[in-house]
Amino acid sequence: MEVALLQGFQLDYKWAGSKICIACQIDNAVPVGLARAIAGALHHCLCTPPCGPQRSRRSTPSPGSQPWPSSA
């Protein structure tokens, strides 16, 4: 169960299944700290407007287009 603690599970977490199934559950789990870090990075990327000049795949921008949607 030390591996479960390293993964971020609480000491009193209730497991179900055989020892082999429990080991598979622990092995397949994403550590809480890693999940939190990934979620924070995604939130930052999705909620923060990009900086600097915008690059577009189009060679010329379409009329009336904006690089970032307005918040109004």
PDB file of N, CA and C in Angstrom:
ATOM      1  N   MET A   1       0.803  -1.205   0.000  1.00  0.00           N
ATOM      2  CA  MET A   1       0.000   0.000   0.000  1.00  0.00           C
ATOM      3  C   MET A   1       0.850   1.275   0.000  1.00  0.00           C
ATOM      4  N   GLU A   2       2.150   1.129   0.154  1.00  0.00           N
ATOM      5  CA  GLU A   2       3.021   2.302   0.119  1.00  0.00           C
ATOM      6  C   GLU A   2       2.936   3.001  -1.232  1.00  0.00           C
ATOM      7  N   VAL A   3       2.786   2.198  -2.299  1.00  0.00           N
ATOM      8  CA  VAL A   3       2.681   2.770  -3.644  1.00  0.00           C
ATOM      9  C   VAL A   3       1.431   3.634  -3.745  1.00  0.00           C
ATOM     10  N   ALA A   4       0.343   3.198  -3.132  1.00  0.00           N
ATOM     11  CA  ALA A   4      -0.900   3.981  -3.149  1.00  0.00           C
ATOM     12  C   ALA A   4      -0.699   5.316  -2.442  1.00  0.00           C
ATOM     13  N   LEU A   5       0.030   5.315  -1.358  1.00  0.00           N
ATOM     14  CA  LEU A   5       0.314   6.576  -0.656  1.00  0.00           C
ATOM     15  C   LEU A   5       1.166   7.501  -1.514  1.00  0.00           C
ATOM     16  N   LEU A   6       2.144   6.929  -2.228  1.00  0.00           N
ATOM     17  CA  LEU A   6       2.969   7.744  -3.122  1.00  0.00           C
ATOM     18  C   LEU A   6       2.147   8.327  -4.272  1.00  0.00           C
ATOM     19  N   GLN A   7       1.107   7.609  -4.690  1.00  0.00           N
ATOM     20  CA  GLN A   7       0.227   8.086  -5.758  1.00  0.00           C
ATOM     21  C   GLN A   7      -0.722   9.178  -5.261  1.00  0.00           C
ATOM     22  N   GLY A   8      -0.822   9.363  -3.956  1.00  0.00           N
ATOM     23  CA  GLY A   8      -1.680  10.411  -3.413  1.00  0.00           C
ATOM     24  C   GLY A   8      -2.969   9.911  -2.795  1.00  0.00           C
ATOM     25  N   PHE A   9      -3.149   8.587  -2.722  1.00  0.00           N
ATOM     26  CA  PHE A   9      -4.342   8.043  -2.078  1.00  0.00           C
ATOM     27  C   PHE A   9      -4.230   8.204  -0.564  1.00  0.00           C
ATOM     28  N   GLN A  10      -5.367   8.421   0.072  1.00  0.00           N
ATOM     29  CA  GLN A  10      -5.408   8.520   1.533  1.00  0.00           C
ATOM     30  C   GLN A  10      -5.166   7.141   2.145  1.00  0.00           C
ATOM     31  N   LEU A  11      -4.659   7.118   3.363  1.00  0.00           N
ATOM     32  CA  LEU A  11      -4.361   5.867   4.052  1.00  0.00           C
ATOM     33  C   LEU A  11      -5.623   5.031   4.263  1.00  0.00           C
ATOM     34  N   ASP A  12      -6.764   5.698   4.457  1.00  0.00           N
ATOM     35  CA  ASP A  12      -8.010   4.972   4.724  1.00  0.00           C
ATOM     36  C   ASP A  12      -8.847   4.728   3.459  1.00  0.00           C
ATOM     37  N   TYR A  13      -8.256   4.867   2.266  1.00  0.00           N
ATOM     38  CA  TYR A  13      -8.983   4.626   1.016  1.00  0.00           C
ATOM     39  C   TYR A  13      -9.434   3.174   0.970  1.00  0.00           C
ATOM     40  N   LYS A  14     -10.687   2.951   0.566  1.00  0.00           N
ATOM     41  CA  LYS A  14     -11.258   1.598   0.501  1.00  0.00           C
ATOM     42  C   LYS A  14     -11.049   1.015  -0.895  1.00  0.00           C
ATOM     43  N   TRP A  15     -10.346  -0.103  -0.969  1.00  0.00           N
ATOM     44  CA  TRP A  15     -10.078  -0.771  -2.231  1.00  0.00           C
ATOM     45  C   TRP A  15     -11.043  -1.922  -2.413  1.00  0.00           C
ATOM     46  N   ALA A  16     -11.346  -2.279  -3.655  1.00  0.00           N
ATOM     47  CA  ALA A  16     -12.236  -3.396  -3.961  1.00  0.00           C
ATOM     48  C   ALA A  16     -11.526  -4.362  -4.895  1.00  0.00           C
ATOM     49  N   GLY A  17     -11.737  -5.655  -4.679  1.00  0.00           N
ATOM     50  CA  GLY A  17     -11.173  -6.656  -5.561  1.00  0.00           C
ATOM     51  C   GLY A  17     -10.013  -7.400  -4.926  1.00  0.00           C
ATOM     52  N   SER A  18      -9.423  -8.271  -5.716  1.00  0.00           N
ATOM     53  CA  SER A  18      -8.283  -9.066  -5.239  1.00  0.00           C
ATOM     54  C   SER A  18      -7.034  -8.183  -5.160  1.00  0.00           C
ATOM     55  N   LYS A  19      -5.988  -8.751  -4.562  1.00  0.00           N
ATOM     56  CA  LYS A  19      -4.729  -7.996  -4.457  1.00  0.00           C
ATOM     57  C   LYS A  19      -4.189  -7.633  -5.838  1.00  0.00           C
ATOM     58  N   ILE A  20      -4.358  -8.532  -6.797  1.00  0.00           N
ATOM     59  CA  ILE A  20      -3.890  -8.258  -8.159  1.00  0.00           C
ATOM     60  C   ILE A  20      -4.702  -7.121  -8.776  1.00  0.00           C
ATOM     61  N   CYS A  21      -6.032  -7.149  -8.592  1.00  0.00           N
ATOM     62  CA  CYS A  21      -6.885  -6.078  -9.129  1.00  0.00           C
ATOM     63  C   CYS A  21      -6.564  -4.735  -8.468  1.00  0.00           C
ATOM     64  N   ILE A  22      -6.328  -4.761  -7.177  1.00  0.00           N
ATOM     65  CA  ILE A  22      -5.986  -3.526  -6.459  1.00  0.00           C
ATOM     66  C   ILE A  22      -4.657  -2.973  -6.977  1.00  0.00           C
ATOM     67  N   ALA A  23      -3.681  -3.860  -7.190  1.00  0.00           N
ATOM     68  CA  ALA A  23      -2.390  -3.419  -7.731  1.00  0.00           C
ATOM     69  C   ALA A  23      -2.572  -2.791  -9.106  1.00  0.00           C
ATOM     70  N   CYS A  24      -3.439  -3.368  -9.942  1.00  0.00           N
ATOM     71  CA  CYS A  24      -3.706  -2.800 -11.274  1.00  0.00           C
ATOM     72  C   CYS A  24      -4.368  -1.437 -11.155  1.00  0.00           C
ATOM     73  N   GLN A  25      -5.307  -1.291 -10.210  1.00  0.00           N
ATOM     74  CA  GLN A  25      -5.967   0.002 -10.011  1.00  0.00           C
ATOM     75  C   GLN A  25      -4.956   1.072  -9.616  1.00  0.00           C
ATOM     76  N   ILE A  26      -4.059   0.708  -8.719  1.00  0.00           N
ATOM     77  CA  ILE A  26      -3.041   1.669  -8.270  1.00  0.00           C
ATOM     78  C   ILE A  26      -2.088   2.006  -9.419  1.00  0.00           C
ATOM     79  N   ASP A  27      -1.662   0.981 -10.161  1.00  0.00           N
ATOM     80  CA  ASP A  27      -0.742   1.212 -11.277  1.00  0.00           C
ATOM     81  C   ASP A  27      -1.349   2.095 -12.358  1.00  0.00           C
ATOM     82  N   ASN A  28      -2.646   1.959 -12.590  1.00  0.00           N
ATOM     83  CA  ASN A  28      -3.313   2.731 -13.641  1.00  0.00           C
ATOM     84  C   ASN A  28      -3.742   4.128 -13.197  1.00  0.00           C
ATOM     85  N   ALA A  29      -3.647   4.409 -11.919  1.00  0.00           N
ATOM     86  CA  ALA A  29      -4.099   5.701 -11.401  1.00  0.00           C
ATOM     87  C   ALA A  29      -3.129   6.818 -11.788  1.00  0.00           C
ATOM     88  N   VAL A  30      -3.695   7.987 -12.050  1.00  0.00           N
ATOM     89  CA  VAL A  30      -2.887   9.184 -12.285  1.00  0.00           C
ATOM     90  C   VAL A  30      -2.682   9.852 -10.923  1.00  0.00           C
ATOM     91  N   PRO A  31      -1.436  10.106 -10.525  1.00  0.00           N
ATOM     92  CA  PRO A  31      -1.197  10.752  -9.231  1.00  0.00           C
ATOM     93  C   PRO A  31      -1.946  12.079  -9.136  1.00  0.00           C
ATOM     94  N   VAL A  32      -2.495  12.340  -7.960  1.00  0.00           N
ATOM     95  CA  VAL A  32      -3.289  13.546  -7.753  1.00  0.00           C
ATOM     96  C   VAL A  32      -2.490  14.800  -8.083  1.00  0.00           C
ATOM     97  N   GLY A  33      -1.244  14.854  -7.655  1.00  0.00           N
ATOM     98  CA  GLY A  33      -0.415  16.029  -7.930  1.00  0.00           C
ATOM     99  C   GLY A  33      -0.197  16.253  -9.417  1.00  0.00           C
ATOM    100  N   LEU A  34       0.013  15.172 -10.167  1.00  0.00           N
ATOM    101  CA  LEU A  34       0.197  15.289 -11.612  1.00  0.00           C
ATOM    102  C   LEU A  34      -1.096  15.759 -12.281  1.00  0.00           C
ATOM    103  N   ALA A  35      -2.213  15.174 -11.886  1.00  0.00           N
ATOM    104  CA  ALA A  35      -3.508  15.585 -12.445  1.00  0.00           C
ATOM    105  C   ALA A  35      -3.784  17.056 -12.153  1.00  0.00           C
ATOM    106  N   ARG A  36      -3.464  17.496 -10.949  1.00  0.00           N
ATOM    107  CA  ARG A  36      -3.669  18.899 -10.581  1.00  0.00           C
ATOM    108  C   ARG A  36      -2.774  19.817 -11.427  1.00  0.00           C
ATOM    109  N   ALA A  37      -1.529  19.413 -11.643  1.00  0.00           N
ATOM    110  CA  ALA A  37      -0.605  20.222 -12.442  1.00  0.00           C
ATOM    111  C   ALA A  37      -1.055  20.307 -13.903  1.00  0.00           C
ATOM    112  N   ILE A  38      -1.507  19.192 -14.466  1.00  0.00           N
ATOM    113  CA  ILE A  38      -1.987  19.197 -15.847  1.00  0.00           C
ATOM    114  C   ILE A  38      -3.239  20.044 -15.974  1.00  0.00           C
ATOM    115  N   ALA A  39      -4.166  19.888 -15.028  1.00  0.00           N
ATOM    116  CA  ALA A  39      -5.400  20.681 -15.068  1.00  0.00           C
ATOM    117  C   ALA A  39      -5.094  22.169 -14.945  1.00  0.00           C
ATOM    118  N   GLY A  40      -4.151  22.532 -14.079  1.00  0.00           N
ATOM    119  CA  GLY A  40      -3.781  23.934 -13.934  1.00  0.00           C
ATOM    120  C   GLY A  40      -3.160  24.505 -15.197  1.00  0.00           C
ATOM    121  N   ALA A  41      -2.301  23.720 -15.845  1.00  0.00           N
ATOM    122  CA  ALA A  41      -1.681  24.179 -17.089  1.00  0.00           C
ATOM    123  C   ALA A  41      -2.718  24.331 -18.199  1.00  0.00           C
ATOM    124  N   LEU A  42      -3.638  23.373 -18.302  1.00  0.00           N
ATOM    125  CA  LEU A  42      -4.702  23.486 -19.307  1.00  0.00           C
ATOM    126  C   LEU A  42      -5.590  24.693 -19.039  1.00  0.00           C
ATOM    127  N   HIS A  43      -5.933  24.897 -17.779  1.00  0.00           N
ATOM    128  CA  HIS A  43      -6.761  26.058 -17.423  1.00  0.00           C
ATOM    129  C   HIS A  43      -6.057  27.353 -17.817  1.00  0.00           C
ATOM    130  N   HIS A  44      -4.774  27.423 -17.528  1.00  0.00           N
ATOM    131  CA  HIS A  44      -4.006  28.618 -17.876  1.00  0.00           C
ATOM    132  C   HIS A  44      -3.996  28.836 -19.388  1.00  0.00           C
ATOM    133  N   CYS A  45      -3.755  27.770 -20.148  1.00  0.00           N
ATOM    134  CA  CYS A  45      -3.704  27.887 -21.610  1.00  0.00           C
ATOM    135  C   CYS A  45      -5.048  28.272 -22.206  1.00  0.00           C
ATOM    136  N   LEU A  46      -6.129  27.739 -21.649  1.00  0.00           N
ATOM    137  CA  LEU A  46      -7.449  27.987 -22.214  1.00  0.00           C
ATOM    138  C   LEU A  46      -8.047  29.314 -21.769  1.00  0.00           C
ATOM    139  N   CYS A  47      -7.624  29.827 -20.626  1.00  0.00           N
ATOM    140  CA  CYS A  47      -8.247  31.034 -20.076  1.00  0.00           C
ATOM    141  C   CYS A  47      -7.385  32.280 -20.187  1.00  0.00           C
ATOM    142  N   THR A  48      -6.176  32.158 -20.719  1.00  0.00           N
ATOM    143  CA  THR A  48      -5.282  33.301 -20.856  1.00  0.00           C
ATOM    144  C   THR A  48      -5.121  33.634 -22.333  1.00  0.00           C
ATOM    145  N   PRO A  49      -5.405  34.888 -22.723  1.00  0.00           N
ATOM    146  CA  PRO A  49      -5.210  35.249 -24.127  1.00  0.00           C
ATOM    147  C   PRO A  49      -3.739  35.098 -24.516  1.00  0.00           C
ATOM    148  N   PRO A  50      -3.478  34.694 -25.740  1.00  0.00           N
ATOM    149  CA  PRO A  50      -2.090  34.556 -26.173  1.00  0.00           C
ATOM    150  C   PRO A  50      -1.376  35.911 -26.241  1.00  0.00           C
ATOM    151  N   CYS A  51      -0.078  35.885 -26.103  1.00  0.00           N
ATOM    152  CA  CYS A  51       0.734  37.110 -26.151  1.00  0.00           C
ATOM    153  C   CYS A  51       1.441  37.205 -27.495  1.00  0.00           C
ATOM    154  N   GLY A  52       1.844  38.402 -27.819  1.00  0.00           N
ATOM    155  CA  GLY A  52       2.661  38.612 -29.005  1.00  0.00           C
ATOM    156  C   GLY A  52       1.869  38.522 -30.290  1.00  0.00           C
ATOM    157  N   PRO A  53       2.585  38.591 -31.400  1.00  0.00           N
ATOM    158  CA  PRO A  53       1.907  38.557 -32.706  1.00  0.00           C
ATOM    159  C   PRO A  53       1.245  37.208 -32.938  1.00  0.00           C
ATOM    160  N   GLN A  54       0.085  37.253 -33.534  1.00  0.00           N
ATOM    161  CA  GLN A  54      -0.668  36.043 -33.825  1.00  0.00           C
ATOM    162  C   GLN A  54      -0.247  35.490 -35.177  1.00  0.00           C
ATOM    163  N   ARG A  55      -0.044  34.209 -35.243  1.00  0.00           N
ATOM    164  CA  ARG A  55       0.269  33.558 -36.509  1.00  0.00           C
ATOM    165  C   ARG A  55      -0.982  32.835 -36.961  1.00  0.00           C
ATOM    166  N   SER A  56      -1.265  32.986 -38.209  1.00  0.00           N
ATOM    167  CA  SER A  56      -2.442  32.358 -38.772  1.00  0.00           C
ATOM    168  C   SER A  56      -2.015  31.398 -39.862  1.00  0.00           C
ATOM    169  N   ARG A  57      -2.810  30.380 -40.090  1.00  0.00           N
ATOM    170  CA  ARG A  57      -2.511  29.458 -41.185  1.00  0.00           C
ATOM    171  C   ARG A  57      -2.840  30.099 -42.518  1.00  0.00           C
ATOM    172  N   ARG A  58      -3.728  31.083 -42.491  1.00  0.00           N
ATOM    173  CA  ARG A  58      -4.079  31.787 -43.723  1.00  0.00           C
ATOM    174  C   ARG A  58      -3.005  32.821 -44.041  1.00  0.00           C
ATOM    175  N   SER A  59      -2.773  33.035 -45.315  1.00  0.00           N
ATOM    176  CA  SER A  59      -1.774  34.036 -45.684  1.00  0.00           C
ATOM    177  C   SER A  59      -2.336  35.440 -45.507  1.00  0.00           C
ATOM    178  N   THR A  60      -3.644  35.610 -45.701  1.00  0.00           N
ATOM    179  CA  THR A  60      -4.277  36.902 -45.478  1.00  0.00           C
ATOM    180  C   THR A  60      -5.476  36.701 -44.567  1.00  0.00           C
ATOM    181  N   PRO A  61      -5.637  37.568 -43.567  1.00  0.00           N
ATOM    182  CA  PRO A  61      -6.776  37.405 -42.661  1.00  0.00           C
ATOM    183  C   PRO A  61      -8.093  37.724 -43.364  1.00  0.00           C
ATOM    184  N   SER A  62      -9.139  37.039 -42.943  1.00  0.00           N
ATOM    185  CA  SER A  62     -10.448  37.313 -43.518  1.00  0.00           C
ATOM    186  C   SER A  62     -10.953  38.651 -42.977  1.00  0.00           C
ATOM    187  N   PRO A  63     -11.784  39.370 -43.736  1.00  0.00           N
ATOM    188  CA  PRO A  63     -12.267  40.677 -43.294  1.00  0.00           C
ATOM    189  C   PRO A  63     -13.038  40.575 -41.982  1.00  0.00           C
ATOM    190  N   GLY A  64     -12.743  41.482 -41.076  1.00  0.00           N
ATOM    191  CA  GLY A  64     -13.447  41.548 -39.795  1.00  0.00           C
ATOM    192  C   GLY A  64     -13.017  40.498 -38.786  1.00  0.00           C
ATOM    193  N   SER A  65     -11.994  39.705 -39.090  1.00  0.00           N
ATOM    194  CA  SER A  65     -11.577  38.668 -38.138  1.00  0.00           C
ATOM    195  C   SER A  65     -10.694  39.282 -37.064  1.00  0.00           C
ATOM    196  N   GLN A  66     -10.769  38.681 -35.880  1.00  0.00           N
ATOM    197  CA  GLN A  66      -9.945  39.107 -34.763  1.00  0.00           C
ATOM    198  C   GLN A  66      -9.108  37.913 -34.324  1.00  0.00           C
ATOM    199  N   PRO A  67      -7.884  38.152 -33.863  1.00  0.00           N
ATOM    200  CA  PRO A  67      -7.035  37.035 -33.435  1.00  0.00           C
ATOM    201  C   PRO A  67      -7.551  36.373 -32.166  1.00  0.00           C
ATOM    202  N   TRP A  68      -8.308  37.103 -31.339  1.00  0.00           N
ATOM    203  CA  TRP A  68      -8.816  36.567 -30.079  1.00  0.00           C
ATOM    204  C   TRP A  68     -10.230  37.073 -29.897  1.00  0.00           C
ATOM    205  N   PRO A  69     -11.192  36.238 -29.510  1.00  0.00           N
ATOM    206  CA  PRO A  69     -12.566  36.711 -29.341  1.00  0.00           C
ATOM    207  C   PRO A  69     -12.660  37.802 -28.287  1.00  0.00           C
ATOM    208  N   SER A  70     -13.476  38.792 -28.567  1.00  0.00           N
ATOM    209  CA  SER A  70     -13.643  39.868 -27.600  1.00  0.00           C
ATOM    210  C   SER A  70     -14.462  39.372 -26.431  1.00  0.00           C
ATOM    211  N   SER A  71     -14.238  39.961 -25.260  1.00  0.00           N
ATOM    212  CA  SER A  71     -14.953  39.540 -24.060  1.00  0.00           C
ATOM    213  C   SER A  71     -16.293  40.234 -23.918  1.00  0.00           C
ATOM    214  N   ALA A  72     -16.609  41.154 -24.802  1.00  0.00           N
ATOM    215  CA  ALA A  72     -17.869  41.885 -24.701  1.00  0.00           C
ATOM    216  C   ALA A  72     -19.016  41.136 -25.313  1.00  0.00           C
TER     217      ALA A  72
END
